[in-house]
C-alpha atoms as a PDB file:
ATOM      1  CA  TYR A   1      41.876  30.054   5.505  1.00  0.00           C
ATOM      2  CA  LYS A   2      38.845  30.946   4.436  1.00  0.00           C
ATOM      3  CA  ARG A   3      40.332  34.773   3.371  1.00  0.00           C
ATOM      4  CA  GLY A   4      43.086  32.909   1.811  1.00  0.00           C
ATOM      5  CA  LEU A   5      40.968  30.467  -0.465  1.00  0.00           C
ATOM      6  CA  LEU A   6      38.599  33.395  -1.363  1.00  0.00           C
ATOM      7  CA  SER A   7      41.468  35.451  -2.305  1.00  0.00           C
ATOM      8  CA  ALA A   8      43.243  32.874  -4.516  1.00  0.00           C
ATOM      9  CA  ILE A   9      39.620  31.907  -5.894  1.00  0.00           C
ATOM     10  CA  PHE A  10      38.703  35.594  -6.916  1.00  0.00           C
ATOM     11  CA  SER A  11      42.315  36.480  -8.301  1.00  0.00           C
ATOM     12  CA  GLN A  12      41.727  33.300 -10.455  1.00  0.00           C
ATOM     13  CA  LYS A  13      44.864  31.794  -9.288  1.00  0.00           C
ATOM     14  CA  LEU A  14      42.995  28.823  -8.177  1.00  0.00           C
ATOM     15  CA  ARG A  15      40.616  27.397 -10.752  1.00  0.00           C
ATOM     16  CA  PHE A  16      38.880  23.881 -10.975  1.00  0.00           C
ATOM     17  CA  LYS A  17      40.294  21.711 -13.682  1.00  0.00           C
ATOM     18  CA  GLU A  18      36.994  21.522 -15.724  1.00  0.00           C
ATOM     19  CA  PHE A  19      36.912  25.271 -16.059  1.00  0.00           C
ATOM     20  CA  ASP A  20      38.867  27.342 -18.240  1.00  0.00           C
ATOM     21  CA  SER A  21      36.885  30.377 -19.753  1.00  0.00           C
ATOM     22  CA  TYR A  22      37.717  33.880 -18.886  1.00  0.00           C
ATOM     23  CA  TRP A  23      35.704  35.420 -15.956  1.00  0.00           C
ATOM     24  CA  GLU A  24      33.582  38.274 -17.117  1.00  0.00           C
ATOM     25  CA  HIS A  25      33.614  41.893 -15.929  1.00  0.00           C
ATOM     26  CA  LYS A  26      30.219  42.817 -14.200  1.00  0.00           C
ATOM     27  CA  THR A  27      28.392  45.401 -12.033  1.00  0.00           C
ATOM     28  CA  LEU A  28      26.049  44.512  -9.223  1.00  0.00           C
ATOM     29  CA  LYS A  29      23.601  46.507 -11.148  1.00  0.00           C
ATOM     30  CA  SER A  30      23.947  44.480 -14.241  1.00  0.00           C
ATOM     31  CA  ILE A  31      23.511  41.069 -12.419  1.00  0.00           C
ATOM     32  CA  THR A  32      20.391  42.311 -10.295  1.00  0.00           C
ATOM     33  CA  THR A  33      16.622  42.580 -10.890  1.00  0.00           C
ATOM     34  CA  LEU A  34      16.301  44.584  -7.315  1.00  0.00           C
ATOM     35  CA  ILE A  35      18.503  47.093  -5.648  1.00  0.00           C
ATOM     36  CA  LYS A  36      16.682  49.118  -2.810  1.00  0.00           C
ATOM     37  CA  ASP A  37      16.921  49.801   0.857  1.00  0.00           C
ATOM     38  CA  GLY A  38      14.656  49.526   3.676  1.00  0.00           C
ATOM     39  CA  THR A  39      12.140  51.616   4.954  1.00  0.00           C
ATOM     40  CA  HIS A  40      12.879  55.302   5.587  1.00  0.00           C
ATOM     41  CA  GLY A  41       9.351  55.653   7.426  1.00  0.00           C
ATOM     42  CA  SER A  42       8.607  56.406  11.085  1.00  0.00           C
ATOM     43  CA  TYR A  43       6.725  53.977  13.142  1.00  0.00           C
ATOM     44  CA  LYS A  44       5.132  53.630  16.513  1.00  0.00           C
ATOM     45  CA  ASP A  45       6.549  50.845  18.470  1.00  0.00           C
ATOM     46  CA  VAL A  46       4.166  48.296  19.776  1.00  0.00           C
ATOM     47  CA  ASN A  47       4.647  45.182  22.455  1.00  0.00           C
ATOM     48  CA  ASN A  48       3.289  42.435  20.029  1.00  0.00           C
ATOM     49  CA  GLY A  49       4.234  43.053  16.459  1.00  0.00           C
ATOM     50  CA  ILE A  50       6.644  42.708  13.636  1.00  0.00           C
ATOM     51  CA  PRO A  51      10.241  42.898  14.104  1.00  0.00           C
ATOM     52  CA  LEU A  52      11.784  46.114  12.626  1.00  0.00           C
ATOM     53  CA  LEU A  53      15.444  45.163  12.140  1.00  0.00           C
ATOM     54  CA  SER A  54      18.500  47.404  11.196  1.00  0.00           C
ATOM     55  CA  ALA A  55      22.274  46.864  10.419  1.00  0.00           C
ATOM     56  CA  LYS A  56      22.990  45.894  13.831  1.00  0.00           C
ATOM     57  CA  ASP A  57      20.927  42.808  13.437  1.00  0.00           C
ATOM     58  CA  ILE A  58      23.111  41.626  10.300  1.00  0.00           C
ATOM     59  CA  GLU A  59      25.870  39.633  11.748  1.00  0.00           C
ATOM     60  CA  SER A  60      27.904  36.684  10.828  1.00  0.00           C
ATOM     61  CA  GLY A  61      25.910  35.970   7.918  1.00  0.00           C
ATOM     62  CA  LYS A  62      22.679  35.715   9.433  1.00  0.00           C
ATOM     63  CA  VAL A  63      19.561  37.898  10.104  1.00  0.00           C
ATOM     64  CA  ILE A  64      19.287  38.018  14.340  1.00  0.00           C
ATOM     65  CA  ILE A  65      16.015  38.814  15.537  1.00  0.00           C
ATOM     66  CA  PRO A  66      16.428  39.723  19.399  1.00  0.00           C
ATOM     67  CA  ALA A  67      13.853  39.122  21.634  1.00  0.00           C
ATOM     68  CA  ASP A  68      13.828  42.905  22.644  1.00  0.00           C
ATOM     69  CA  CYS A  69      13.981  44.333  19.016  1.00  0.00           C
ATOM     70  CA  ARG A  70      11.694  47.052  17.930  1.00  0.00           C
ATOM     71  CA  LYS A  71       8.419  45.964  16.712  1.00  0.00           C
ATOM     72  CA  ILE A  72       5.793  47.620  14.464  1.00  0.00           C
ATOM     73  CA  SER A  73       2.021  47.088  13.704  1.00  0.00           C
ATOM     74  CA  ILE A  74       0.948  44.561  10.973  1.00  0.00           C
ATOM     75  CA  GLU A  75      -0.444  47.399   9.183  1.00  0.00           C
ATOM     76  CA  ASP A  76       2.690  49.311   9.024  1.00  0.00           C
ATOM     77  CA  TYR A  77       4.614  46.072   8.005  1.00  0.00           C
ATOM     78  CA  LYS A  78       1.887  45.528   4.981  1.00  0.00           C
ATOM     79  CA  ASN A  79       2.397  49.100   4.150  1.00  0.00           C
ATOM     80  CA  ILE A  80       6.263  48.770   3.850  1.00  0.00           C
ATOM     81  CA  TYR A  81       5.936  45.719   1.628  1.00  0.00           C
ATOM     82  CA  LYS A  82       2.897  47.006  -0.484  1.00  0.00           C
ATOM     83  CA  ASN A  83       5.159  47.093  -3.605  1.00  0.00           C
ATOM     84  CA  TYR A  84       7.743  44.180  -2.929  1.00  0.00           C
ATOM     85  CA  SER A  85       8.506  41.300  -0.799  1.00  0.00           C
ATOM     86  CA  LEU A  86      11.586  39.857   0.380  1.00  0.00           C
ATOM     87  CA  ASN A  87      12.326  36.704  -1.090  1.00  0.00           C
ATOM     88  CA  LYS A  88      14.374  33.737  -0.233  1.00  0.00           C
ATOM     89  CA  ASP A  89      18.090  34.338  -1.427  1.00  0.00           C
ATOM     90  CA  ASP A  90      18.031  37.861  -1.370  1.00  0.00           C
ATOM     91  CA  ILE A  91      21.092  39.370  -0.241  1.00  0.00           C
ATOM     92  CA  LEU A  92      20.924  41.700   2.891  1.00  0.00           C
ATOM     93  CA  ILE A  93      23.751  44.188   3.037  1.00  0.00           C
ATOM     94  CA  THR A  94      24.318  46.857   5.550  1.00  0.00           C
ATOM     95  CA  ILE A  95      24.962  50.184   3.908  1.00  0.00           C
ATOM     96  CA  VAL A  96      24.964  52.678   6.851  1.00  0.00           C
ATOM     97  CA  GLY A  97      27.589  52.526   9.719  1.00  0.00           C
ATOM     98  CA  THR A  98      29.545  49.456   9.310  1.00  0.00           C
ATOM     99  CA  ILE A  99      29.404  48.631   5.466  1.00  0.00           C
ATOM    100  CA  GLY A 100      29.209  45.163   3.770  1.00  0.00           C
ATOM    101  CA  ARG A 101      27.862  43.012   6.515  1.00  0.00           C
ATOM    102  CA  LEU A 102      25.699  40.654   4.706  1.00  0.00           C
ATOM    103  CA  ALA A 103      23.336  37.821   5.161  1.00  0.00           C
ATOM    104  CA  LEU A 104      21.683  35.538   2.549  1.00  0.00           C
ATOM    105  CA  VAL A 105      17.796  35.174   3.294  1.00  0.00           C
ATOM    106  CA  GLY A 106      16.560  31.804   3.765  1.00  0.00           C
ATOM    107  CA  GLU A 107      13.245  30.297   4.076  1.00  0.00           C
ATOM    108  CA  LEU A 108      10.992  33.211   5.626  1.00  0.00           C
ATOM    109  CA  LYS A 109       9.729  31.352   8.591  1.00  0.00           C
ATOM    110  CA  GLN A 110       9.400  34.473  10.598  1.00  0.00           C
ATOM    111  CA  LYS A 111       8.099  37.882   9.332  1.00  0.00           C
ATOM    112  CA  PHE A 112      10.552  41.157   9.557  1.00  0.00           C
ATOM    113  CA  ALA A 113      11.081  44.468   8.078  1.00  0.00           C
ATOM    114  CA  LEU A 114      14.164  46.319   7.368  1.00  0.00           C
ATOM    115  CA  GLN A 115      15.291  50.030   8.131  1.00  0.00           C
ATOM    116  CA  ARG A 116      17.187  52.089   5.588  1.00  0.00           C
ATOM    117  CA  SER A 117      20.555  50.892   6.961  1.00  0.00           C
ATOM    118  CA  VAL A 118      20.166  47.400   5.060  1.00  0.00           C
ATOM    119  CA  GLY A 119      20.473  47.240   1.274  1.00  0.00           C
ATOM    120  CA  ILE A 120      18.444  44.346  -0.517  1.00  0.00           C
ATOM    121  CA  LEU A 121      19.815  42.763  -3.695  1.00  0.00           C
ATOM    122  CA  ARG A 122      17.997  40.284  -5.699  1.00  0.00           C
ATOM    123  CA  ILE A 123      20.423  38.172  -8.019  1.00  0.00           C
ATOM    124  CA  ASN A 124      19.142  37.592 -11.604  1.00  0.00           C
ATOM    125  CA  GLU A 125      18.727  33.948 -12.925  1.00  0.00           C
ATOM    126  CA  ASN A 126      22.210  33.882 -14.538  1.00  0.00           C
ATOM    127  CA  ASN A 127      24.262  34.048 -11.386  1.00  0.00           C
ATOM    128  CA  ASN A 128      24.238  32.533  -8.130  1.00  0.00           C
ATOM    129  CA  PRO A 129      23.352  34.383  -5.111  1.00  0.00           C
ATOM    130  CA  ARG A 130      25.659  32.600  -2.590  1.00  0.00           C
ATOM    131  CA  PHE A 131      28.351  33.072  -4.747  1.00  0.00           C
ATOM    132  CA  ILE A 132      27.740  36.747  -5.383  1.00  0.00           C
ATOM    133  CA  SER A 133      27.405  36.772  -1.435  1.00  0.00           C
ATOM    134  CA  TYR A 134      30.929  35.580  -1.444  1.00  0.00           C
ATOM    135  CA  VAL A 135      31.970  37.878  -3.945  1.00  0.00           C
ATOM    136  CA  LEU A 136      30.991  40.860  -1.782  1.00  0.00           C
ATOM    137  CA  GLN A 137      33.063  39.734   1.132  1.00  0.00           C
ATOM    138  CA  SER A 138      36.162  39.660  -1.297  1.00  0.00           C
ATOM    139  CA  GLU A 139      39.013  42.199  -0.729  1.00  0.00           C
ATOM    140  CA  TYR A 140      38.711  43.460  -3.797  1.00  0.00           C
ATOM    141  CA  VAL A 141      35.021  44.638  -3.264  1.00  0.00           C
ATOM    142  CA  LYS A 142      35.563  45.479   0.725  1.00  0.00           C
ATOM    143  CA  LYS A 143      38.060  47.932  -0.921  1.00  0.00           C
ATOM    144  CA  GLN A 144      35.402  49.747  -3.192  1.00  0.00           C
ATOM    145  CA  PHE A 145      33.056  49.935  -0.107  1.00  0.00           C
ATOM    146  CA  TYR A 146      35.780  51.757   1.853  1.00  0.00           C
ATOM    147  CA  SER A 147      36.431  54.196  -1.066  1.00  0.00           C
ATOM    148  CA  LYS A 148      32.842  54.795  -1.672  1.00  0.00           C
ATOM    149  CA  VAL A 149      31.339  55.488   1.626  1.00  0.00           C
ATOM    150  CA  ASN A 150      30.020  58.999   1.908  1.00  0.00           C
ATOM    151  CA  GLN A 151      31.732  61.341   4.370  1.00  0.00           C
ATOM    152  CA  SER A 152      28.387  62.095   6.229  1.00  0.00           C
ATOM    153  CA  ALA A 153      28.125  61.761  10.208  1.00  0.00           C
ATOM    154  CA  GLN A 154      27.146  58.391   9.653  1.00  0.00           C
ATOM    155  CA  GLY A 155      29.047  57.059   6.920  1.00  0.00           C
ATOM    156  CA  GLY A 156      26.947  54.987   4.257  1.00  0.00           C
ATOM    157  CA  ILE A 157      26.805  54.221   0.556  1.00  0.00           C
ATOM    158  CA  TYR A 158      24.046  55.388  -1.763  1.00  0.00           C
ATOM    159  CA  LEU A 159      21.906  52.724  -3.819  1.00  0.00           C
ATOM    160  CA  ASP A 160      23.306  53.978  -7.164  1.00  0.00           C
ATOM    161  CA  THR A 161      26.672  53.843  -5.956  1.00  0.00           C
ATOM    162  CA  LEU A 162      26.158  50.262  -4.617  1.00  0.00           C
ATOM    163  CA  GLY A 163      24.855  49.231  -8.158  1.00  0.00           C
ATOM    164  CA  LYS A 164      28.354  50.291  -9.630  1.00  0.00           C
ATOM    165  CA  ILE A 165      30.486  47.859  -7.603  1.00  0.00           C
ATOM    166  CA  ASP A 166      32.308  46.095  -9.982  1.00  0.00           C
ATOM    167  CA  PHE A 167      34.056  42.411  -9.939  1.00  0.00           C
ATOM    168  CA  TYR A 168      34.951  39.629 -12.239  1.00  0.00           C
ATOM    169  CA  SER A 169      32.652  36.421 -12.413  1.00  0.00           C
ATOM    170  CA  PRO A 170      32.848  32.980 -13.950  1.00  0.00           C
ATOM    171  CA  SER A 171      30.126  31.020 -15.475  1.00  0.00           C
ATOM    172  CA  LEU A 172      26.918  29.899 -13.588  1.00  0.00           C
ATOM    173  CA  ARG A 173      28.120  26.266 -13.327  1.00  0.00           C
ATOM    174  CA  GLU A 174      31.583  27.520 -11.919  1.00  0.00           C
ATOM    175  CA  GLN A 175      29.749  29.934  -9.458  1.00  0.00           C
ATOM    176  CA  GLU A 176      27.452  26.999  -8.145  1.00  0.00           C
ATOM    177  CA  LYS A 177      30.631  24.945  -7.803  1.00  0.00           C
ATOM    178  CA  ILE A 178      32.712  27.388  -5.811  1.00  0.00           C
ATOM    179  CA  ALA A 179      29.429  28.514  -3.700  1.00  0.00           C
ATOM    180  CA  ASN A 180      28.936  24.736  -2.498  1.00  0.00           C
ATOM    181  CA  ILE A 181      32.647  24.469  -1.297  1.00  0.00           C
ATOM    182  CA  MET A 182      32.720  27.946   0.427  1.00  0.00           C
ATOM    183  CA  LEU A 183      29.203  26.840   1.879  1.00  0.00           C
ATOM    184  CA  LYS A 184      30.821  23.579   3.443  1.00  0.00           C
ATOM    185  CA  ILE A 185      33.683  25.782   4.986  1.00  0.00           C
ATOM    186  CA  ASP A 186      31.101  28.224   6.369  1.00  0.00           C
ATOM    187  CA  ASN A 187      29.455  25.368   8.001  1.00  0.00           C
ATOM    188  CA  ILE A 188      32.702  23.831   9.530  1.00  0.00           C
ATOM    189  CA  ILE A 189      33.555  27.134  10.780  1.00  0.00           C
ATOM    190  CA  GLU A 190      30.062  27.584  12.516  1.00  0.00           C
ATOM    191  CA  LYS A 191      30.092  24.070  13.987  1.00  0.00           C
ATOM    192  CA  GLU A 192      33.904  25.057  15.345  1.00  0.00           C
ATOM    193  CA  ASN A 193      32.514  28.267  16.892  1.00  0.00           C
ATOM    194  CA  ILE A 194      29.554  26.421  18.621  1.00  0.00           C
ATOM    195  CA  LEU A 195      32.335  24.231  20.120  1.00  0.00           C
ATOM    196  CA  LEU A 196      34.384  26.847  21.003  1.00  0.00           C
ATOM    197  CA  ASN A 197      31.650  28.662  22.965  1.00  0.00           C
ATOM    198  CA  LEU A 198      30.794  25.426  24.855  1.00  0.00           C
ATOM    199  CA  TYR A 199      34.422  25.259  25.900  1.00  0.00           C
ATOM    200  CA  ASN A 200      34.358  28.937  26.904  1.00  0.00           C
ATOM    201  CA  ASP A 201      31.400  28.419  29.102  1.00  0.00           C
ATOM    202  CA  TYR A 202      32.827  25.203  30.610  1.00  0.00           C
ATOM    203  CA  LYS A 203      36.114  27.155  31.152  1.00  0.00           C
ATOM    204  CA  LYS A 204      34.121  30.029  32.905  1.00  0.00           C
ATOM    205  CA  GLY A 205      32.077  27.366  34.892  1.00  0.00           C
ATOM    206  CA  LEU A 206      35.330  25.611  36.172  1.00  0.00           C
ATOM    207  CA  LEU A 207      36.646  29.178  37.240  1.00  0.00           C
ATOM    208  CA  GLN A 208      33.732  30.140  39.255  1.00  0.00           C
ATOM    209  CA  LYS A 209      33.739  26.740  41.006  1.00  0.00           C
END
């Protein structure tokens, strides 16, 4: 249902009655104030430090911080972020290996750093970051990812190529309305997944008994 709804919205077959203006052609570069990747450096692992995450830790729209993840020293962490910092509503996107998995940065309650397999997109004030995250999940954009992945041993997409990803986008007010509706659907999906996992655990328990 979500895929079908996204397809209908981004093909403009489904519009809200109060909006009738044309969608504008844009590129990621034209709507961002920051496009970069995580650190390329090599660091010594420590037992008690700051998590250093990679593309495998971006999953189902979230940043997953495993208990056994790599950790680096606070000094290395500060060095990574000496010229910039992660902000709330930055979009994280996997750009090495499996391309296009996304997470929207929420309240930064726990510090973490990112390796080069994760790209960081900061959306400008004229666009809604959550809406853009849904744009990046559309089939139109996914096809571009697949066509632009370089053919190295570990397929990836370069930052300048990432900036050339193009799409059509409505006014900020329409973006916000679409984003709010899609967020409600995502919340329903998350609740249903939790319920499904509980039933699966219950089933396993019954089978064991």
